[in-house]
Amino acid sequence: SFISIQAFPALLDLPQDLEVSGVSCGSRHTAVVTRGGELYTWGWGKYGQLGHGDITSSDQARRVEHLVAEGLRAEEVVCGPWTTYVRVLE
């Protein structure tokens, strides 16, 4: 699937009631942590770095449901070239 790569800032379409507390960019993906402890990711997912349990790429921010299902609260996120690291609280 086609994923747009932008070399300039763009508005992000997240649900309106979310407040972003942290953001990190990899080489082709981005992740944000919300004040409510949710993690949203989007971009190139070839190596599973988006955390959705697959290798699907997406231009739309998607919540990482695994953290919600496990009762984990995302506190901080750091993206590498093809990786995403998340500090969580139980």
N, C-alpha and C. Protein backbone atom coordinates (compact mmCIF):
# COMPACT_ATOMS: atom_id res chain seq x y z
N SER A 1 0.82 -1.20 0.00
CA SER A 1 0.00 0.00 0.00
C SER A 1 0.86 1.25 0.00
N PHE A 2 0.33 2.33 -0.55
CA PHE A 2 1.05 3.59 -0.65
C PHE A 2 1.01 4.34 0.68
N ILE A 3 2.14 4.80 1.15
CA ILE A 3 2.23 5.62 2.36
C ILE A 3 2.90 6.92 1.96
N SER A 4 2.25 8.02 2.27
CA SER A 4 2.83 9.31 1.91
C SER A 4 3.95 9.66 2.90
N ILE A 5 5.02 10.20 2.39
CA ILE A 5 6.12 10.69 3.21
C ILE A 5 6.19 12.18 3.00
N GLN A 6 6.03 12.92 4.09
CA GLN A 6 5.99 14.38 4.00
C GLN A 6 7.23 14.98 4.62
N ALA A 7 7.81 15.91 3.92
CA ALA A 7 9.02 16.58 4.40
C ALA A 7 8.68 17.90 5.09
N PHE A 8 7.42 18.09 5.44
CA PHE A 8 6.99 19.33 6.07
C PHE A 8 5.91 19.00 7.09
N PRO A 9 5.69 19.87 8.08
CA PRO A 9 4.67 19.60 9.10
C PRO A 9 3.28 19.48 8.48
N ALA A 10 2.46 18.63 9.10
CA ALA A 10 1.09 18.45 8.65
C ALA A 10 0.20 18.28 9.88
N LEU A 11 -1.05 18.67 9.77
CA LEU A 11 -1.99 18.48 10.86
C LEU A 11 -2.28 16.99 11.04
N LEU A 12 -2.43 16.57 12.27
CA LEU A 12 -2.70 15.19 12.58
C LEU A 12 -4.16 15.03 12.94
N ASP A 13 -4.80 14.02 12.40
CA ASP A 13 -6.22 13.78 12.64
C ASP A 13 -6.41 12.74 13.74
N LEU A 14 -6.39 13.20 15.01
CA LEU A 14 -6.66 12.34 16.15
C LEU A 14 -8.05 12.66 16.67
N PRO A 15 -8.65 11.73 17.41
CA PRO A 15 -9.94 12.07 18.03
C PRO A 15 -9.83 13.37 18.83
N GLN A 16 -10.85 14.19 18.77
CA GLN A 16 -10.79 15.56 19.28
C GLN A 16 -10.51 15.67 20.79
N ASP A 17 -10.93 14.69 21.57
CA ASP A 17 -10.79 14.79 23.02
C ASP A 17 -9.42 14.34 23.53
N LEU A 18 -8.51 13.95 22.66
CA LEU A 18 -7.18 13.49 23.08
C LEU A 18 -6.20 14.64 23.21
N GLU A 19 -5.40 14.59 24.27
CA GLU A 19 -4.32 15.55 24.46
C GLU A 19 -3.01 14.79 24.36
N VAL A 20 -2.13 15.20 23.46
CA VAL A 20 -0.85 14.54 23.25
C VAL A 20 0.14 15.02 24.29
N SER A 21 0.82 14.06 24.94
CA SER A 21 1.84 14.41 25.93
C SER A 21 3.25 14.12 25.45
N GLY A 22 3.37 13.29 24.39
CA GLY A 22 4.69 12.98 23.87
C GLY A 22 4.60 12.49 22.44
N VAL A 23 5.67 12.73 21.70
CA VAL A 23 5.72 12.29 20.30
C VAL A 23 7.14 11.88 19.96
N SER A 24 7.27 10.90 19.06
CA SER A 24 8.59 10.50 18.58
C SER A 24 8.45 10.06 17.12
N CYS A 25 9.49 10.32 16.35
CA CYS A 25 9.49 9.96 14.93
C CYS A 25 10.63 9.00 14.63
N GLY A 26 10.31 7.94 13.92
CA GLY A 26 11.33 7.04 13.39
C GLY A 26 11.68 7.51 12.00
N SER A 27 12.34 6.66 11.23
CA SER A 27 12.69 7.10 9.88
C SER A 27 11.48 7.17 8.97
N ARG A 28 10.47 6.31 9.21
CA ARG A 28 9.27 6.33 8.36
C ARG A 28 7.99 6.07 9.15
N HIS A 29 8.04 6.27 10.46
CA HIS A 29 6.84 6.11 11.28
C HIS A 29 6.87 7.10 12.44
N THR A 30 5.69 7.31 13.02
CA THR A 30 5.55 8.26 14.12
C THR A 30 4.67 7.65 15.19
N ALA A 31 4.91 8.03 16.44
CA ALA A 31 4.10 7.55 17.56
C ALA A 31 3.82 8.70 18.51
N VAL A 32 2.63 8.72 19.08
CA VAL A 32 2.29 9.71 20.11
C VAL A 32 1.71 9.00 21.32
N VAL A 33 1.99 9.57 22.48
CA VAL A 33 1.40 9.14 23.75
C VAL A 33 0.43 10.23 24.17
N THR A 34 -0.75 9.82 24.63
CA THR A 34 -1.73 10.80 25.08
C THR A 34 -1.65 10.95 26.60
N ARG A 35 -2.21 12.04 27.10
CA ARG A 35 -2.27 12.25 28.56
C ARG A 35 -3.06 11.15 29.25
N GLY A 36 -3.95 10.51 28.52
CA GLY A 36 -4.72 9.39 29.06
C GLY A 36 -4.00 8.06 29.03
N GLY A 37 -2.75 8.03 28.53
CA GLY A 37 -1.95 6.82 28.54
C GLY A 37 -2.13 5.91 27.34
N GLU A 38 -2.69 6.44 26.27
CA GLU A 38 -2.86 5.64 25.06
C GLU A 38 -1.71 5.91 24.09
N LEU A 39 -1.40 4.91 23.27
CA LEU A 39 -0.36 5.05 22.25
C LEU A 39 -1.00 4.95 20.88
N TYR A 40 -0.71 5.92 20.03
CA TYR A 40 -1.16 5.93 18.64
C TYR A 40 0.07 5.90 17.75
N THR A 41 0.02 5.11 16.67
CA THR A 41 1.14 5.02 15.73
C THR A 41 0.62 5.07 14.30
N TRP A 42 1.49 5.48 13.40
CA TRP A 42 1.16 5.47 11.97
C TRP A 42 2.45 5.57 11.16
N GLY A 43 2.35 5.25 9.88
CA GLY A 43 3.51 5.30 8.98
C GLY A 43 3.79 3.93 8.40
N TRP A 44 5.05 3.68 8.15
CA TRP A 44 5.50 2.44 7.53
C TRP A 44 5.58 1.35 8.60
N GLY A 45 4.95 0.21 8.38
CA GLY A 45 4.90 -0.83 9.39
C GLY A 45 5.56 -2.14 9.00
N LYS A 46 6.42 -2.13 7.99
CA LYS A 46 6.99 -3.37 7.44
C LYS A 46 7.62 -4.29 8.48
N TYR A 47 8.19 -3.74 9.55
CA TYR A 47 8.88 -4.55 10.55
C TYR A 47 8.08 -4.68 11.84
N GLY A 48 6.79 -4.35 11.80
CA GLY A 48 5.96 -4.46 12.99
C GLY A 48 6.14 -3.33 13.99
N GLN A 49 6.85 -2.29 13.59
CA GLN A 49 7.18 -1.20 14.51
C GLN A 49 5.98 -0.35 14.94
N LEU A 50 4.83 -0.53 14.29
CA LEU A 50 3.65 0.24 14.70
C LEU A 50 2.95 -0.40 15.89
N GLY A 51 3.25 -1.65 16.19
CA GLY A 51 2.72 -2.30 17.38
C GLY A 51 1.31 -2.83 17.27
N HIS A 52 0.83 -3.03 16.04
CA HIS A 52 -0.54 -3.51 15.86
C HIS A 52 -0.62 -5.02 15.62
N GLY A 53 0.49 -5.71 15.79
CA GLY A 53 0.49 -7.16 15.62
C GLY A 53 0.54 -7.63 14.19
N ASP A 54 0.87 -6.71 13.28
CA ASP A 54 0.98 -7.06 11.87
C ASP A 54 2.05 -6.18 11.22
N ILE A 55 2.17 -6.26 9.91
CA ILE A 55 3.17 -5.44 9.21
C ILE A 55 2.48 -4.47 8.25
N THR A 56 1.27 -4.08 8.62
CA THR A 56 0.49 -3.15 7.80
C THR A 56 0.97 -1.72 8.01
N SER A 57 1.09 -0.96 6.94
CA SER A 57 1.41 0.45 7.00
C SER A 57 0.12 1.26 6.97
N SER A 58 0.16 2.47 7.54
CA SER A 58 -1.06 3.28 7.59
C SER A 58 -0.73 4.76 7.65
N ASP A 59 -1.45 5.56 6.86
CA ASP A 59 -1.32 7.02 6.94
C ASP A 59 -2.17 7.59 8.07
N GLN A 60 -3.08 6.77 8.61
CA GLN A 60 -3.97 7.23 9.68
C GLN A 60 -3.45 6.74 11.03
N ALA A 61 -3.46 7.62 12.03
CA ALA A 61 -3.07 7.23 13.38
C ALA A 61 -4.03 6.18 13.90
N ARG A 62 -3.48 5.09 14.46
CA ARG A 62 -4.30 4.02 15.04
C ARG A 62 -3.84 3.76 16.47
N ARG A 63 -4.80 3.57 17.36
CA ARG A 63 -4.47 3.27 18.75
C ARG A 63 -3.91 1.85 18.83
N VAL A 64 -2.87 1.66 19.63
CA VAL A 64 -2.29 0.34 19.84
C VAL A 64 -3.16 -0.39 20.86
N GLU A 65 -4.01 -1.26 20.37
CA GLU A 65 -5.02 -1.93 21.19
C GLU A 65 -4.42 -2.94 22.17
N HIS A 66 -3.26 -3.49 21.86
CA HIS A 66 -2.63 -4.46 22.76
C HIS A 66 -2.39 -3.86 24.15
N LEU A 67 -1.95 -2.62 24.20
CA LEU A 67 -1.70 -1.99 25.50
C LEU A 67 -3.00 -1.84 26.28
N VAL A 68 -4.06 -1.45 25.61
CA VAL A 68 -5.37 -1.30 26.26
C VAL A 68 -5.84 -2.66 26.78
N ALA A 69 -5.73 -3.70 25.96
CA ALA A 69 -6.18 -5.05 26.34
C ALA A 69 -5.42 -5.59 27.56
N GLU A 70 -4.16 -5.20 27.68
CA GLU A 70 -3.33 -5.67 28.80
C GLU A 70 -3.42 -4.76 30.02
N GLY A 71 -4.19 -3.69 29.94
CA GLY A 71 -4.33 -2.77 31.06
C GLY A 71 -3.08 -1.94 31.30
N LEU A 72 -2.31 -1.67 30.24
CA LEU A 72 -1.06 -0.92 30.36
C LEU A 72 -1.27 0.53 29.94
N ARG A 73 -0.65 1.43 30.68
CA ARG A 73 -0.74 2.86 30.40
C ARG A 73 0.59 3.33 29.80
N ALA A 74 0.56 3.83 28.57
CA ALA A 74 1.78 4.34 27.94
C ALA A 74 2.19 5.65 28.61
N GLU A 75 3.45 5.75 28.97
CA GLU A 75 3.97 6.95 29.62
C GLU A 75 4.93 7.73 28.73
N GLU A 76 5.69 6.99 27.92
CA GLU A 76 6.72 7.62 27.09
C GLU A 76 6.98 6.74 25.88
N VAL A 77 7.31 7.35 24.74
CA VAL A 77 7.61 6.59 23.54
C VAL A 77 8.87 7.15 22.88
N VAL A 78 9.69 6.24 22.35
CA VAL A 78 10.89 6.61 21.61
C VAL A 78 10.95 5.72 20.38
N CYS A 79 11.03 6.33 19.21
CA CYS A 79 11.12 5.57 17.95
C CYS A 79 12.55 5.57 17.46
N GLY A 80 12.98 4.42 16.94
CA GLY A 80 14.25 4.31 16.25
C GLY A 80 13.95 4.17 14.76
N PRO A 81 14.97 3.84 13.96
CA PRO A 81 14.75 3.73 12.53
C PRO A 81 13.63 2.75 12.16
N TRP A 82 13.63 1.56 12.77
CA TRP A 82 12.60 0.55 12.47
C TRP A 82 12.04 -0.06 13.74
N THR A 83 12.06 0.69 14.82
CA THR A 83 11.61 0.19 16.12
C THR A 83 10.81 1.25 16.86
N THR A 84 10.05 0.80 17.85
CA THR A 84 9.33 1.70 18.74
C THR A 84 9.43 1.13 20.15
N TYR A 85 9.89 1.96 21.08
CA TYR A 85 10.01 1.56 22.49
C TYR A 85 9.02 2.37 23.30
N VAL A 86 8.29 1.71 24.18
CA VAL A 86 7.27 2.38 24.98
C VAL A 86 7.49 2.05 26.44
N ARG A 87 7.52 3.08 27.28
CA ARG A 87 7.56 2.89 28.73
C ARG A 87 6.12 2.88 29.20
N VAL A 88 5.73 1.84 29.93
CA VAL A 88 4.34 1.69 30.37
C VAL A 88 4.25 1.52 31.88
N LEU A 89 3.06 1.80 32.39
CA LEU A 89 2.70 1.52 33.79
C LEU A 89 1.58 0.51 33.78
N GLU A 90 1.61 -0.41 34.75
CA GLU A 90 0.52 -1.38 34.87
C GLU A 90 -0.64 -0.77 35.65
